[in-house]
Protein backbone atom coordinates (compact mmCIF):
# COMPACT_ATOMS: atom_id res chain seq x y z
CA MET A 1 -12.75 -98.47 -1.39
CA ILE A 2 -12.39 -101.38 1.07
CA CYS A 3 -13.28 -103.82 -1.72
CA LEU A 4 -10.52 -102.45 -3.93
CA LEU A 5 -8.07 -102.81 -1.03
CA LEU A 6 -9.25 -106.38 -0.41
CA PHE A 7 -8.81 -107.20 -4.10
CA TRP A 8 -5.31 -105.67 -4.13
CA GLU A 9 -4.09 -107.36 -0.94
CA PHE A 10 -5.39 -110.78 -1.96
CA ALA A 11 -4.04 -110.31 -5.50
CA LYS A 12 -0.56 -109.72 -4.02
CA ILE A 13 -0.96 -112.88 -1.92
CA GLY A 14 -2.21 -114.86 -4.91
CA LEU A 15 0.74 -113.63 -6.94
CA VAL A 16 3.42 -114.86 -4.53
CA CYS A 17 1.78 -117.84 -2.83
CA VAL A 18 3.90 -120.66 -4.15
CA GLY A 19 3.01 -124.06 -2.76
CA GLY A 20 -0.74 -124.00 -2.57
CA GLY A 21 -3.31 -122.91 -0.04
CA TYR A 22 -1.47 -123.87 3.12
CA ALA A 23 1.53 -121.79 2.06
CA SER A 24 -0.78 -118.79 1.61
CA MET A 25 -1.98 -118.91 5.22
CA PRO A 26 0.92 -116.94 6.76
CA LEU A 27 0.59 -114.35 4.00
CA ILE A 28 -3.15 -114.00 4.57
CA GLU A 29 -2.58 -113.91 8.32
CA ASP A 30 -0.03 -111.14 7.96
CA ALA A 31 -2.37 -109.02 5.84
CA VAL A 32 -5.67 -109.48 7.66
CA VAL A 33 -4.38 -109.81 11.25
CA HIS A 34 -1.12 -107.87 11.52
CA THR A 35 -1.15 -105.24 8.76
CA TYR A 36 -4.79 -104.14 8.52
CA HIS A 37 -6.16 -105.57 11.80
CA TRP A 38 -9.32 -106.65 10.01
CA LEU A 39 -9.38 -109.85 12.08
CA THR A 40 -7.94 -111.03 15.35
CA LEU A 41 -5.68 -114.06 15.27
CA SER A 42 -8.46 -116.05 16.93
CA GLU A 43 -10.92 -115.03 14.18
CA PHE A 44 -8.32 -115.93 11.56
CA ILE A 45 -7.85 -119.37 13.10
CA ASP A 46 -11.62 -119.83 13.01
CA ILE A 47 -11.66 -118.85 9.32
CA PHE A 48 -8.76 -121.24 8.66
CA THR A 49 -10.69 -124.04 10.39
CA ILE A 50 -13.89 -123.34 8.48
CA SER A 51 -11.90 -123.12 5.23
CA GLN A 52 -10.65 -126.67 5.80
CA MET A 53 -14.16 -127.98 6.43
CA THR A 54 -15.74 -126.47 3.31
CA PRO A 55 -15.26 -127.78 -0.22
CA GLY A 56 -12.67 -126.10 -2.39
CA PRO A 57 -9.10 -124.89 -2.09
CA ILE A 58 -8.24 -123.62 1.38
CA GLY A 59 -6.60 -120.37 0.23
CA ILE A 60 -9.60 -119.39 -1.86
CA ASN A 61 -11.96 -120.33 0.96
CA ALA A 62 -9.95 -118.27 3.45
CA ALA A 63 -9.98 -115.27 1.08
CA THR A 64 -13.73 -115.63 0.63
CA PHE A 65 -14.44 -115.87 4.37
CA ALA A 66 -12.03 -113.04 5.26
CA GLY A 67 -13.57 -110.78 2.60
CA MET A 68 -17.04 -111.60 3.93
CA LYS A 69 -16.00 -110.71 7.47
CA VAL A 70 -14.42 -107.43 6.39
CA ALA A 71 -16.96 -106.10 3.86
CA GLY A 72 -19.83 -108.54 3.42
CA LEU A 73 -20.68 -110.11 0.06
CA PRO A 74 -18.87 -107.46 -2.05
CA GLY A 75 -15.75 -107.92 0.08
CA SER A 76 -16.02 -111.67 -0.30
CA ILE A 77 -16.18 -111.40 -4.08
CA ALA A 78 -13.32 -108.86 -4.20
CA ALA A 79 -11.00 -110.92 -1.99
CA THR A 80 -11.75 -114.14 -3.88
CA LEU A 81 -11.22 -112.57 -7.30
CA GLY A 82 -8.06 -110.90 -6.05
CA PHE A 83 -6.67 -114.20 -4.79
CA VAL A 84 -7.59 -116.17 -7.92
CA THR A 85 -6.75 -113.74 -10.74
CA PRO A 86 -2.93 -113.72 -10.49
CA SER A 87 -2.83 -117.46 -9.85
CA PHE A 88 -4.98 -118.11 -12.91
CA ILE A 89 -2.78 -115.94 -15.14
CA LEU A 90 0.45 -117.34 -13.68
CA CYS A 91 -0.75 -120.92 -13.97
CA LEU A 92 -1.54 -120.50 -17.65
CA THR A 93 1.82 -118.84 -18.29
CA VAL A 94 3.88 -121.30 -16.24
CA ALA A 95 2.09 -124.32 -17.71
CA ARG A 96 2.91 -123.19 -21.22
CA PHE A 97 6.53 -122.40 -20.24
CA PHE A 98 7.00 -125.61 -18.23
CA PHE A 99 5.73 -127.92 -20.98
CA ARG A 100 8.04 -126.22 -23.44
CA TYR A 101 11.19 -125.85 -21.26
CA GLY A 102 10.56 -127.95 -18.12
CA ASN A 103 13.36 -130.41 -18.74
CA ILE A 104 16.05 -127.70 -18.47
CA GLY A 105 18.24 -128.20 -15.39
CA ALA A 106 17.90 -124.59 -14.19
CA ILE A 107 14.10 -124.89 -14.12
CA GLN A 108 14.35 -128.07 -12.05
CA GLY A 109 16.82 -126.30 -9.75
CA VAL A 110 14.37 -123.45 -9.16
CA LEU A 111 11.57 -125.90 -8.37
CA ASN A 112 13.81 -127.87 -6.02
CA GLY A 113 14.81 -124.65 -4.27
CA LEU A 114 11.21 -123.52 -3.80
CA ARG A 115 10.11 -126.72 -2.04
CA PRO A 116 11.94 -126.06 1.27
CA ALA A 117 10.71 -122.45 1.30
CA VAL A 118 7.13 -123.63 0.91
CA VAL A 119 7.58 -126.05 3.80
CA ALA A 120 8.99 -123.19 5.92
CA LEU A 121 5.94 -121.03 5.20
CA ILE A 122 3.58 -123.84 6.16
CA CYS A 123 5.57 -124.53 9.36
CA ALA A 124 5.56 -120.84 10.33
CA ALA A 125 1.77 -120.72 10.08
CA GLY A 126 1.52 -124.01 11.97
CA LEU A 127 3.67 -122.74 14.85
CA SER A 128 1.48 -119.64 15.22
CA PHE A 129 -1.57 -121.88 15.33
CA VAL A 130 0.01 -124.17 17.94
CA ALA A 131 0.89 -121.19 20.15
CA LEU A 132 -2.66 -119.85 19.93
CA SER A 133 -4.19 -123.25 20.56
CA LEU A 134 -2.03 -124.29 23.51
CA PHE A 135 -1.22 -120.92 25.12
CA ASP A 136 -3.93 -118.53 23.82
CA SER A 137 -1.16 -116.28 22.48
CA GLU A 138 0.24 -115.44 19.06
CA THR A 139 3.70 -116.43 20.26
CA PHE A 140 5.07 -119.02 22.63
CA PRO A 141 5.51 -117.83 26.24
CA ALA A 142 8.99 -116.48 26.97
CA SER A 143 9.72 -118.59 30.05
CA CYS A 144 8.97 -122.06 31.32
CA ALA A 145 6.97 -120.61 34.20
CA ALA A 146 4.84 -118.55 31.83
CA MET A 147 4.46 -121.60 29.60
CA ARG A 148 3.19 -123.74 32.51
CA GLU A 149 0.79 -121.01 33.58
CA ALA A 150 -0.72 -120.42 30.13
CA PHE A 151 -0.75 -124.07 28.97
CA ASP A 152 -4.18 -125.50 28.12
CA PRO A 153 -4.11 -129.29 28.65
CA LYS A 154 -7.53 -129.83 27.02
CA SER A 155 -6.33 -128.19 23.82
CA ALA A 156 -3.10 -130.19 24.01
CA LEU A 157 -5.09 -133.43 24.23
CA ILE A 158 -7.20 -132.52 21.20
CA LEU A 159 -4.08 -131.41 19.30
CA ALA A 160 -2.28 -134.69 20.07
CA LEU A 161 -5.28 -136.83 19.10
CA ALA A 162 -5.91 -134.84 15.91
CA LEU A 163 -2.25 -135.00 14.92
CA THR A 164 -2.18 -138.75 15.52
CA ALA A 165 -5.36 -139.18 13.46
CA ALA A 166 -3.96 -137.03 10.65
CA ARG A 167 -0.73 -139.07 10.55
CA ARG A 168 -2.86 -142.20 10.27
CA LYS A 169 -4.58 -140.67 7.22
CA ILE A 170 -8.00 -140.36 8.86
CA ASN A 171 -10.35 -138.14 6.88
CA VAL A 172 -9.94 -134.44 7.75
CA ILE A 173 -13.68 -133.94 8.11
CA HIS A 174 -13.86 -136.78 10.65
CA ILE A 175 -10.94 -135.28 12.59
CA LEU A 176 -12.57 -131.85 12.68
CA LEU A 177 -15.98 -133.21 13.68
CA ALA A 178 -14.48 -135.40 16.40
CA SER A 179 -12.38 -132.48 17.68
CA GLY A 180 -15.47 -130.28 17.88
CA VAL A 181 -17.40 -132.94 19.78
CA LEU A 182 -14.46 -133.51 22.10
CA GLY A 183 -14.19 -129.74 22.68
CA VAL A 184 -17.82 -129.64 23.78
CA ALA A 185 -17.40 -132.77 25.91
CA LEU A 186 -14.36 -131.29 27.67
CA GLY A 187 -16.27 -128.09 28.36
CA MET A 188 -14.18 -125.84 26.13
CA MET A 189 -16.97 -123.47 25.15
């Protein structure tokens, strides 16, 4: 029964995740962390990190890893198929429609309207990750005093260096490896 639920939840995510894998992260987070409590936010962040380091699309990787954590190999297969099936069907349908009618102004208007929403979804996931990384909390502390108390300067250093490296177009794998080494060197075990 859990595999059917995994398939269904990831199929719903795959159906509405416009904008690629990064845009699916808040949807996956909501399902696996907040709705079903299959994972903690910390475990989800770990899955997100591993999904970036492994080959393949990040959303599919996250579905695969989350399914594995929840129900082993059958859960992994169910979550992955759930995530991919609607996207596959939609992609075939949209591709056919777009190549036939893509130059219509209304279609371009819809696409232009979706872009900011996709950016908002990615930013929302990013802010949750920043809060967890810097303050070990799903949300930012409510006051400046609480913020100072919970702030992790070692994580802030790694975040700043990784962000700088990413803006300079350094390979993601190199950034992740260097961040892991720096985490060990700073004693963040």
